């Protein structure tokens, strides 16, 4: 709301005043990226949406541009930290100069971060009470992740591949189910540290901490059930051959030679 003439509105707060919020928001995708394979700290994925949700709530009264920037900044590390090989790929296989390749890395990271910015903007305008206050953030992320034209198929919970118990939810609704539980955990953690009723905050923190444990336990039960079903099933060995031919290579005989030799191995 605007005050008397000559006074700034709430939306006109200088960017420096929100610098600490932006800094905390930037740790969101860092947590997601640190859980990416190979050898990631997969547990950190569960924390990834907490800083973003917290920033969305803290900046609720700011303008759309400020909120988008917070979310976009919070999503940059997905490309910069989670996919550090992207620039090297452009240099090695596309034959681009090193400087151009790393500009490509930055462009890829910036593009990948856009859905996070949109999520923070739309989350900030979501209901603060009632069922939709919890459903909206999850539905919103799944929708954005589904329609956004990504450079290649990607999910922020890709690290769950290294802890298969946590990705068994995909049997229900695909990748969306895995993402939903992580978004819900992040929103619960963010609301648990916001000012408010102590009892409600404690309950939200408990549920947030219980989600990964429940997901792991239920996933293990499902894996055990599948193992029992497959114990007597016939087995078929399958191998995958990836020739790693350069992107600009045009010699089909060389490609086939690579495939044949590796297939023999």
C-alpha atoms as a PDB file:
ATOM      1  CA  UNK A   1       0.000   0.000   0.000  1.00  0.00           C
ATOM      2  CA  UNK A   2       1.248   3.513  -0.772  1.00  0.00           C
ATOM      3  CA  UNK A   3       1.632   6.057   2.029  1.00  0.00           C
ATOM      4  CA  UNK A   4       1.682   9.883   1.765  1.00  0.00           C
ATOM      5  CA  UNK A   5       3.088  11.479  -1.377  1.00  0.00           C
ATOM      6  CA  UNK A   6       6.865  11.443  -1.493  1.00  0.00           C
ATOM      7  CA  UNK A   7       7.160   8.267   0.589  1.00  0.00           C
ATOM      8  CA  UNK A   8       8.230   4.938  -0.933  1.00  0.00           C
ATOM      9  CA  UNK A   9       5.755   2.105  -1.236  1.00  0.00           C
ATOM     10  CA  UNK A  10       6.509  -1.305   0.224  1.00  0.00           C
ATOM     11  CA  UNK A  11       7.410  -2.498  -3.271  1.00  0.00           C
ATOM     12  CA  UNK A  12      10.027   0.246  -3.660  1.00  0.00           C
ATOM     13  CA  UNK A  13      12.384  -1.061  -0.972  1.00  0.00           C
ATOM     14  CA  UNK A  14      16.011  -0.800  -2.215  1.00  0.00           C
ATOM     15  CA  UNK A  15      17.532  -4.049  -3.455  1.00  0.00           C
ATOM     16  CA  UNK A  16      20.290  -3.808  -0.820  1.00  0.00           C
ATOM     17  CA  UNK A  17      17.665  -4.182   1.910  1.00  0.00           C
ATOM     18  CA  UNK A  18      16.785  -7.619   0.553  1.00  0.00           C
ATOM     19  CA  UNK A  19      20.372  -8.737  -0.114  1.00  0.00           C
ATOM     20  CA  UNK A  20      20.387 -11.213   2.766  1.00  0.00           C
ATOM     21  CA  UNK A  21      17.116 -12.743   1.563  1.00  0.00           C
ATOM     22  CA  UNK A  22      18.578 -13.132  -1.920  1.00  0.00           C
ATOM     23  CA  UNK A  23      21.707 -14.719  -0.464  1.00  0.00           C
ATOM     24  CA  UNK A  24      19.660 -17.292   1.450  1.00  0.00           C
ATOM     25  CA  UNK A  25      17.470 -17.960  -1.598  1.00  0.00           C
ATOM     26  CA  UNK A  26      20.601 -18.776  -3.619  1.00  0.00           C
ATOM     27  CA  UNK A  27      21.305 -21.749  -1.335  1.00  0.00           C
ATOM     28  CA  UNK A  28      18.167 -23.500  -2.602  1.00  0.00           C
ATOM     29  CA  UNK A  29      19.480 -24.782  -5.900  1.00  0.00           C
ATOM     30  CA  UNK A  30      22.884 -25.272  -4.290  1.00  0.00           C
ATOM     31  CA  UNK A  31      21.315 -27.870  -2.007  1.00  0.00           C
ATOM     32  CA  UNK A  32      19.597 -29.482  -4.993  1.00  0.00           C
ATOM     33  CA  UNK A  33      22.824 -29.468  -7.015  1.00  0.00           C
ATOM     34  CA  UNK A  34      24.909 -30.945  -4.203  1.00  0.00           C
ATOM     35  CA  UNK A  35      22.585 -33.932  -4.261  1.00  0.00           C
ATOM     36  CA  UNK A  36      23.092 -34.542  -7.987  1.00  0.00           C
ATOM     37  CA  UNK A  37      24.958 -37.651  -9.169  1.00  0.00           C
ATOM     38  CA  UNK A  38      27.529 -38.983  -9.164  1.00  0.00           C
ATOM     39  CA  UNK A  39      28.290 -39.233  -5.472  1.00  0.00           C
ATOM     40  CA  UNK A  40      26.027 -36.375  -4.381  1.00  0.00           C
ATOM     41  CA  UNK A  41      24.809 -35.690  -0.852  1.00  0.00           C
ATOM     42  CA  UNK A  42      21.323 -36.877  -1.730  1.00  0.00           C
ATOM     43  CA  UNK A  43      19.787 -35.843   1.605  1.00  0.00           C
ATOM     44  CA  UNK A  44      20.389 -32.181   0.702  1.00  0.00           C
ATOM     45  CA  UNK A  45      17.734 -32.425  -2.028  1.00  0.00           C
ATOM     46  CA  UNK A  46      15.080 -32.428   0.692  1.00  0.00           C
ATOM     47  CA  UNK A  47      16.269 -28.957   1.760  1.00  0.00           C
ATOM     48  CA  UNK A  48      16.335 -27.443  -1.729  1.00  0.00           C
ATOM     49  CA  UNK A  49      12.926 -25.755  -1.838  1.00  0.00           C
ATOM     50  CA  UNK A  50      13.030 -24.478   1.755  1.00  0.00           C
ATOM     51  CA  UNK A  51      15.161 -21.359   1.043  1.00  0.00           C
ATOM     52  CA  UNK A  52      13.123 -20.607  -2.084  1.00  0.00           C
ATOM     53  CA  UNK A  53       9.791 -20.931  -0.276  1.00  0.00           C
ATOM     54  CA  UNK A  54      11.097 -18.853   2.626  1.00  0.00           C
ATOM     55  CA  UNK A  55      12.277 -16.129   0.250  1.00  0.00           C
ATOM     56  CA  UNK A  56       8.900 -16.171  -1.519  1.00  0.00           C
ATOM     57  CA  UNK A  57       7.142 -15.544   1.786  1.00  0.00           C
ATOM     58  CA  UNK A  58       9.625 -12.895   2.936  1.00  0.00           C
ATOM     59  CA  UNK A  59       9.316 -11.001  -0.349  1.00  0.00           C
ATOM     60  CA  UNK A  60       5.550 -11.358  -0.675  1.00  0.00           C
ATOM     61  CA  UNK A  61       5.055  -7.568  -0.591  1.00  0.00           C
ATOM     62  CA  UNK A  62       7.806  -6.841  -3.101  1.00  0.00           C
ATOM     63  CA  UNK A  63       7.344  -6.340  -6.812  1.00  0.00           C
ATOM     64  CA  UNK A  64       7.231  -9.176  -9.324  1.00  0.00           C
ATOM     65  CA  UNK A  65      10.702  -8.339 -10.626  1.00  0.00           C
ATOM     66  CA  UNK A  66      12.283  -8.608  -7.175  1.00  0.00           C
ATOM     67  CA  UNK A  67      10.593 -11.894  -6.434  1.00  0.00           C
ATOM     68  CA  UNK A  68      11.484 -13.342  -9.823  1.00  0.00           C
ATOM     69  CA  UNK A  69      15.114 -12.316  -9.379  1.00  0.00           C
ATOM     70  CA  UNK A  70      15.224 -14.024  -5.974  1.00  0.00           C
ATOM     71  CA  UNK A  71      13.903 -17.276  -7.421  1.00  0.00           C
ATOM     72  CA  UNK A  72      16.047 -17.066 -10.543  1.00  0.00           C
ATOM     73  CA  UNK A  73      19.137 -16.435  -8.417  1.00  0.00           C
ATOM     74  CA  UNK A  74      18.054 -19.315  -6.226  1.00  0.00           C
ATOM     75  CA  UNK A  75      17.968 -21.616  -9.247  1.00  0.00           C
ATOM     76  CA  UNK A  76      21.322 -20.756 -10.843  1.00  0.00           C
ATOM     77  CA  UNK A  77      23.325 -23.401  -9.011  1.00  0.00           C
ATOM     78  CA  UNK A  78      21.341 -26.162 -10.679  1.00  0.00           C
ATOM     79  CA  UNK A  79      23.324 -25.544 -13.861  1.00  0.00           C
ATOM     80  CA  UNK A  80      26.512 -24.107 -12.393  1.00  0.00           C
ATOM     81  CA  UNK A  81      27.057 -26.759  -9.708  1.00  0.00           C
ATOM     82  CA  UNK A  82      24.793 -29.643 -10.688  1.00  0.00           C
ATOM     83  CA  UNK A  83      25.929 -29.761 -14.337  1.00  0.00           C
ATOM     84  CA  UNK A  84      29.550 -28.562 -14.333  1.00  0.00           C
ATOM     85  CA  UNK A  85      30.283 -30.793 -17.328  1.00  0.00           C
ATOM     86  CA  UNK A  86      28.009 -28.838 -19.675  1.00  0.00           C
ATOM     87  CA  UNK A  87      30.692 -26.321 -20.692  1.00  0.00           C
ATOM     88  CA  UNK A  88      33.284 -29.067 -21.052  1.00  0.00           C
ATOM     89  CA  UNK A  89      30.887 -30.975 -23.313  1.00  0.00           C
ATOM     90  CA  UNK A  90      30.519 -27.947 -25.594  1.00  0.00           C
ATOM     91  CA  UNK A  91      34.276 -27.579 -25.763  1.00  0.00           C
ATOM     92  CA  UNK A  92      35.151 -31.228 -26.286  1.00  0.00           C
ATOM     93  CA  UNK A  93      32.360 -32.468 -28.540  1.00  0.00           C
ATOM     94  CA  UNK A  94      31.171 -29.299 -30.280  1.00  0.00           C
ATOM     95  CA  UNK A  95      34.685 -27.932 -30.760  1.00  0.00           C
ATOM     96  CA  UNK A  96      33.871 -24.500 -29.278  1.00  0.00           C
ATOM     97  CA  UNK A  97      36.595 -22.269 -27.800  1.00  0.00           C
ATOM     98  CA  UNK A  98      36.842 -22.516 -24.024  1.00  0.00           C
ATOM     99  CA  UNK A  99      35.497 -19.004 -23.392  1.00  0.00           C
ATOM    100  CA  UNK A 100      32.493 -19.592 -25.662  1.00  0.00           C
ATOM    101  CA  UNK A 101      31.846 -22.986 -24.086  1.00  0.00           C
ATOM    102  CA  UNK A 102      31.689 -21.522 -20.603  1.00  0.00           C
ATOM    103  CA  UNK A 103      29.423 -18.746 -21.825  1.00  0.00           C
ATOM    104  CA  UNK A 104      27.217 -21.612 -22.955  1.00  0.00           C
ATOM    105  CA  UNK A 105      27.424 -23.013 -19.429  1.00  0.00           C
ATOM    106  CA  UNK A 106      26.217 -19.693 -18.030  1.00  0.00           C
ATOM    107  CA  UNK A 107      23.422 -19.441 -20.603  1.00  0.00           C
ATOM    108  CA  UNK A 108      22.289 -22.984 -19.822  1.00  0.00           C
ATOM    109  CA  UNK A 109      22.306 -22.236 -16.084  1.00  0.00           C
ATOM    110  CA  UNK A 110      20.378 -18.988 -16.565  1.00  0.00           C
ATOM    111  CA  UNK A 111      17.739 -20.736 -18.697  1.00  0.00           C
ATOM    112  CA  UNK A 112      17.380 -23.630 -16.249  1.00  0.00           C
ATOM    113  CA  UNK A 113      16.872 -21.163 -13.376  1.00  0.00           C
ATOM    114  CA  UNK A 114      13.858 -19.424 -14.941  1.00  0.00           C
ATOM    115  CA  UNK A 115      11.221 -21.894 -13.619  1.00  0.00           C
ATOM    116  CA  UNK A 116      12.510 -21.289 -10.095  1.00  0.00           C
ATOM    117  CA  UNK A 117      11.960 -17.559 -10.555  1.00  0.00           C
ATOM    118  CA  UNK A 118       8.447 -18.135 -11.856  1.00  0.00           C
ATOM    119  CA  UNK A 119       7.742 -20.474  -8.945  1.00  0.00           C
ATOM    120  CA  UNK A 120       8.773 -17.901  -6.348  1.00  0.00           C
ATOM    121  CA  UNK A 121       6.611 -15.228  -8.023  1.00  0.00           C
ATOM    122  CA  UNK A 122       3.505 -17.411  -8.193  1.00  0.00           C
ATOM    123  CA  UNK A 123       4.077 -18.899  -4.740  1.00  0.00           C
ATOM    124  CA  UNK A 124       4.192 -15.407  -3.274  1.00  0.00           C
ATOM    125  CA  UNK A 125       0.689 -14.762  -4.577  1.00  0.00           C
ATOM    126  CA  UNK A 126      -0.686 -18.076  -3.303  1.00  0.00           C
ATOM    127  CA  UNK A 127      -3.184 -18.405  -0.424  1.00  0.00           C
ATOM    128  CA  UNK A 128      -1.587 -18.311   3.030  1.00  0.00           C
ATOM    129  CA  UNK A 129      -4.216 -20.465   4.739  1.00  0.00           C
ATOM    130  CA  UNK A 130      -6.330 -23.464   3.927  1.00  0.00           C
ATOM    131  CA  UNK A 131      -5.776 -26.498   1.754  1.00  0.00           C
ATOM    132  CA  UNK A 132      -4.579 -24.550  -1.279  1.00  0.00           C
ATOM    133  CA  UNK A 133      -1.773 -22.997   0.742  1.00  0.00           C
ATOM    134  CA  UNK A 134      -0.181 -26.468   0.743  1.00  0.00           C
ATOM    135  CA  UNK A 135      -1.422 -27.871  -2.546  1.00  0.00           C
ATOM    136  CA  UNK A 136      -0.605 -24.832  -4.685  1.00  0.00           C
ATOM    137  CA  UNK A 137       3.231 -24.856  -4.320  1.00  0.00           C
ATOM    138  CA  UNK A 138       3.423 -28.536  -5.283  1.00  0.00           C
ATOM    139  CA  UNK A 139       1.006 -28.298  -8.212  1.00  0.00           C
ATOM    140  CA  UNK A 140       2.716 -25.113  -9.360  1.00  0.00           C
ATOM    141  CA  UNK A 141       6.184 -26.653  -9.505  1.00  0.00           C
ATOM    142  CA  UNK A 142       5.018 -29.800 -11.291  1.00  0.00           C
ATOM    143  CA  UNK A 143       3.208 -27.668 -13.881  1.00  0.00           C
ATOM    144  CA  UNK A 144       6.226 -25.420 -14.469  1.00  0.00           C
ATOM    145  CA  UNK A 145       8.610 -28.361 -14.719  1.00  0.00           C
ATOM    146  CA  UNK A 146       6.278 -30.073 -17.194  1.00  0.00           C
ATOM    147  CA  UNK A 147       5.755 -27.202 -19.622  1.00  0.00           C
ATOM    148  CA  UNK A 148       9.147 -25.489 -19.422  1.00  0.00           C
ATOM    149  CA  UNK A 149      11.221 -26.190 -22.591  1.00  0.00           C
ATOM    150  CA  UNK A 150      14.330 -27.533 -20.896  1.00  0.00           C
ATOM    151  CA  UNK A 151      17.554 -28.086 -22.840  1.00  0.00           C
ATOM    152  CA  UNK A 152      17.260 -31.770 -21.978  1.00  0.00           C
ATOM    153  CA  UNK A 153      14.970 -33.762 -19.669  1.00  0.00           C
ATOM    154  CA  UNK A 154      15.817 -32.860 -16.100  1.00  0.00           C
ATOM    155  CA  UNK A 155      14.399 -33.007 -12.580  1.00  0.00           C
ATOM    156  CA  UNK A 156      15.847 -31.330  -9.465  1.00  0.00           C
ATOM    157  CA  UNK A 157      15.470 -34.650  -7.647  1.00  0.00           C
ATOM    158  CA  UNK A 158      17.722 -36.470 -10.122  1.00  0.00           C
ATOM    159  CA  UNK A 159      19.985 -37.445  -7.216  1.00  0.00           C
ATOM    160  CA  UNK A 160      17.293 -39.807  -5.947  1.00  0.00           C
ATOM    161  CA  UNK A 161      18.680 -42.242  -8.510  1.00  0.00           C
ATOM    162  CA  UNK A 162      21.435 -42.970  -5.976  1.00  0.00           C
ATOM    163  CA  UNK A 163      18.938 -43.681  -3.163  1.00  0.00           C
ATOM    164  CA  UNK A 164      16.289 -45.767  -4.942  1.00  0.00           C
ATOM    165  CA  UNK A 165      14.107 -45.937  -1.832  1.00  0.00           C
ATOM    166  CA  UNK A 166      13.331 -42.237  -2.265  1.00  0.00           C
ATOM    167  CA  UNK A 167      12.263 -42.557  -5.883  1.00  0.00           C
ATOM    168  CA  UNK A 168       9.758 -45.381  -5.441  1.00  0.00           C
ATOM    169  CA  UNK A 169       7.013 -42.754  -5.306  1.00  0.00           C
ATOM    170  CA  UNK A 170       7.478 -42.458  -9.087  1.00  0.00           C
ATOM    171  CA  UNK A 171       5.564 -45.726  -9.383  1.00  0.00           C
ATOM    172  CA  UNK A 172       2.431 -43.760  -8.390  1.00  0.00           C
ATOM    173  CA  UNK A 173       2.552 -40.588 -10.497  1.00  0.00           C
ATOM    174  CA  UNK A 174       5.940 -40.568 -12.185  1.00  0.00           C
ATOM    175  CA  UNK A 175       8.631 -37.991 -11.483  1.00  0.00           C
ATOM    176  CA  UNK A 176       5.931 -35.550 -10.336  1.00  0.00           C
ATOM    177  CA  UNK A 177       5.342 -37.652  -7.223  1.00  0.00           C
ATOM    178  CA  UNK A 178       9.040 -37.517  -6.302  1.00  0.00           C
ATOM    179  CA  UNK A 179       9.163 -33.759  -6.828  1.00  0.00           C
ATOM    180  CA  UNK A 180       5.938 -33.175  -4.890  1.00  0.00           C
ATOM    181  CA  UNK A 181       7.266 -34.729  -1.703  1.00  0.00           C
ATOM    182  CA  UNK A 182      10.434 -32.597  -1.880  1.00  0.00           C
ATOM    183  CA  UNK A 183       8.512 -29.369  -2.561  1.00  0.00           C
ATOM    184  CA  UNK A 184       6.148 -30.146   0.323  1.00  0.00           C
ATOM    185  CA  UNK A 185       9.096 -30.766   2.633  1.00  0.00           C
ATOM    186  CA  UNK A 186      10.667 -27.446   1.637  1.00  0.00           C
ATOM    187  CA  UNK A 187       7.453 -25.488   2.178  1.00  0.00           C
ATOM    188  CA  UNK A 188       6.952 -27.098   5.594  1.00  0.00           C
ATOM    189  CA  UNK A 189      10.496 -26.213   6.659  1.00  0.00           C
ATOM    190  CA  UNK A 190      10.120 -22.640   5.412  1.00  0.00           C
ATOM    191  CA  UNK A 191       6.856 -22.104   7.268  1.00  0.00           C
ATOM    192  CA  UNK A 192       8.319 -23.677  10.392  1.00  0.00           C
ATOM    193  CA  UNK A 193      10.889 -20.877  10.671  1.00  0.00           C
ATOM    194  CA  UNK A 194       8.515 -18.026   9.825  1.00  0.00           C
ATOM    195  CA  UNK A 195       6.973 -15.990  12.653  1.00  0.00           C
ATOM    196  CA  UNK A 196       3.748 -17.509  13.911  1.00  0.00           C
ATOM    197  CA  UNK A 197       2.156 -19.901  16.348  1.00  0.00           C
ATOM    198  CA  UNK A 198       4.841 -22.011  18.044  1.00  0.00           C
ATOM    199  CA  UNK A 199       2.758 -25.134  18.137  1.00  0.00           C
ATOM    200  CA  UNK A 200       1.905 -24.941  14.443  1.00  0.00           C
ATOM    201  CA  UNK A 201       5.531 -24.274  13.562  1.00  0.00           C
ATOM    202  CA  UNK A 202       6.685 -27.264  15.631  1.00  0.00           C
ATOM    203  CA  UNK A 203       4.137 -29.502  13.923  1.00  0.00           C
ATOM    204  CA  UNK A 204       5.289 -28.356  10.502  1.00  0.00           C
ATOM    205  CA  UNK A 205       8.924 -29.021  11.395  1.00  0.00           C
ATOM    206  CA  UNK A 206       8.074 -32.518  12.636  1.00  0.00           C
ATOM    207  CA  UNK A 207       6.132 -33.376   9.480  1.00  0.00           C
ATOM    208  CA  UNK A 208       8.971 -32.011   7.333  1.00  0.00           C
ATOM    209  CA  UNK A 209      11.509 -34.189   9.115  1.00  0.00           C
ATOM    210  CA  UNK A 210       9.206 -37.199   8.955  1.00  0.00           C
ATOM    211  CA  UNK A 211       8.653 -36.963   5.182  1.00  0.00           C
ATOM    212  CA  UNK A 212      12.092 -38.222   4.085  1.00  0.00           C
ATOM    213  CA  UNK A 213      11.992 -40.972   6.705  1.00  0.00           C
ATOM    214  CA  UNK A 214       8.519 -42.100   5.695  1.00  0.00           C
ATOM    215  CA  UNK A 215       9.443 -41.943   2.001  1.00  0.00           C
ATOM    216  CA  UNK A 216      12.545 -44.044   2.615  1.00  0.00           C
ATOM    217  CA  UNK A 217      10.696 -46.611   4.707  1.00  0.00           C
ATOM    218  CA  UNK A 218       7.797 -47.015   2.292  1.00  0.00           C
ATOM    219  CA  UNK A 219      10.220 -47.148  -0.623  1.00  0.00           C
ATOM    220  CA  UNK A 220      12.199 -49.923   1.051  1.00  0.00           C
ATOM    221  CA  UNK A 221       9.014 -51.903   1.666  1.00  0.00           C
ATOM    222  CA  UNK A 222       8.079 -51.583  -2.006  1.00  0.00           C
ATOM    223  CA  UNK A 223      11.552 -52.610  -3.165  1.00  0.00           C
ATOM    224  CA  UNK A 224      11.456 -55.662  -0.906  1.00  0.00           C
ATOM    225  CA  UNK A 225       8.055 -56.609  -2.338  1.00  0.00           C
ATOM    226  CA  UNK A 226       9.358 -56.309  -5.913  1.00  0.00           C
ATOM    227  CA  UNK A 227      12.450 -58.369  -5.036  1.00  0.00           C
ATOM    228  CA  UNK A 228      10.235 -61.140  -3.717  1.00  0.00           C
ATOM    229  CA  UNK A 229       8.147 -61.071  -6.902  1.00  0.00           C
ATOM    230  CA  UNK A 230      11.233 -61.250  -9.124  1.00  0.00           C
ATOM    231  CA  UNK A 231      13.134 -63.847  -7.127  1.00  0.00           C
ATOM    232  CA  UNK A 232      11.995 -66.680  -9.397  1.00  0.00           C
ATOM    233  CA  UNK A 233      11.591 -64.689 -12.609  1.00  0.00           C
ATOM    234  CA  UNK A 234      13.789 -65.433 -15.663  1.00  0.00           C
ATOM    235  CA  UNK A 235      16.736 -63.077 -16.168  1.00  0.00           C
ATOM    236  CA  UNK A 236      17.996 -61.398 -19.339  1.00  0.00           C
ATOM    237  CA  UNK A 237      21.350 -59.632 -19.519  1.00  0.00           C
ATOM    238  CA  UNK A 238      21.225 -56.282 -21.348  1.00  0.00           C
ATOM    239  CA  UNK A 239      24.113 -54.048 -22.357  1.00  0.00           C
ATOM    240  CA  UNK A 240      24.128 -50.442 -23.555  1.00  0.00           C
ATOM    241  CA  UNK A 241      26.740 -49.122 -25.974  1.00  0.00           C
ATOM    242  CA  UNK A 242      27.420 -45.382 -26.155  1.00  0.00           C
ATOM    243  CA  UNK A 243      29.953 -44.548 -28.896  1.00  0.00           C
ATOM    244  CA  UNK A 244      30.583 -40.939 -27.760  1.00  0.00           C
ATOM    245  CA  UNK A 245      31.087 -39.743 -31.327  1.00  0.00           C
ATOM    246  CA  UNK A 246      31.759 -35.986 -31.653  1.00  0.00           C
ATOM    247  CA  UNK A 247      28.655 -33.893 -32.371  1.00  0.00           C
ATOM    248  CA  UNK A 248      30.051 -32.673 -35.696  1.00  0.00           C
ATOM    249  CA  UNK A 249      31.312 -36.072 -36.845  1.00  0.00           C
ATOM    250  CA  UNK A 250      29.849 -37.089 -40.207  1.00  0.00           C
ATOM    251  CA  UNK A 251      31.581 -40.397 -40.857  1.00  0.00           C
ATOM    252  CA  UNK A 252      28.913 -43.120 -40.449  1.00  0.00           C
ATOM    253  CA  UNK A 253      31.512 -45.891 -40.901  1.00  0.00           C
ATOM    254  CA  UNK A 254      33.516 -44.578 -37.943  1.00  0.00           C
ATOM    255  CA  UNK A 255      30.371 -44.480 -35.829  1.00  0.00           C
ATOM    256  CA  UNK A 256      29.445 -48.024 -36.771  1.00  0.00           C
ATOM    257  CA  UNK A 257      32.996 -49.219 -36.124  1.00  0.00           C
ATOM    258  CA  UNK A 258      32.781 -47.800 -32.607  1.00  0.00           C
ATOM    259  CA  UNK A 259      29.435 -49.500 -32.041  1.00  0.00           C
ATOM    260  CA  UNK A 260      30.624 -52.850 -33.390  1.00  0.00           C
ATOM    261  CA  UNK A 261      33.848 -52.941 -31.390  1.00  0.00           C
ATOM    262  CA  UNK A 262      32.174 -51.953 -28.161  1.00  0.00           C
ATOM    263  CA  UNK A 263      29.280 -54.355 -28.763  1.00  0.00           C
ATOM    264  CA  UNK A 264      31.798 -57.204 -29.121  1.00  0.00           C
ATOM    265  CA  UNK A 265      33.281 -56.275 -25.755  1.00  0.00           C
END
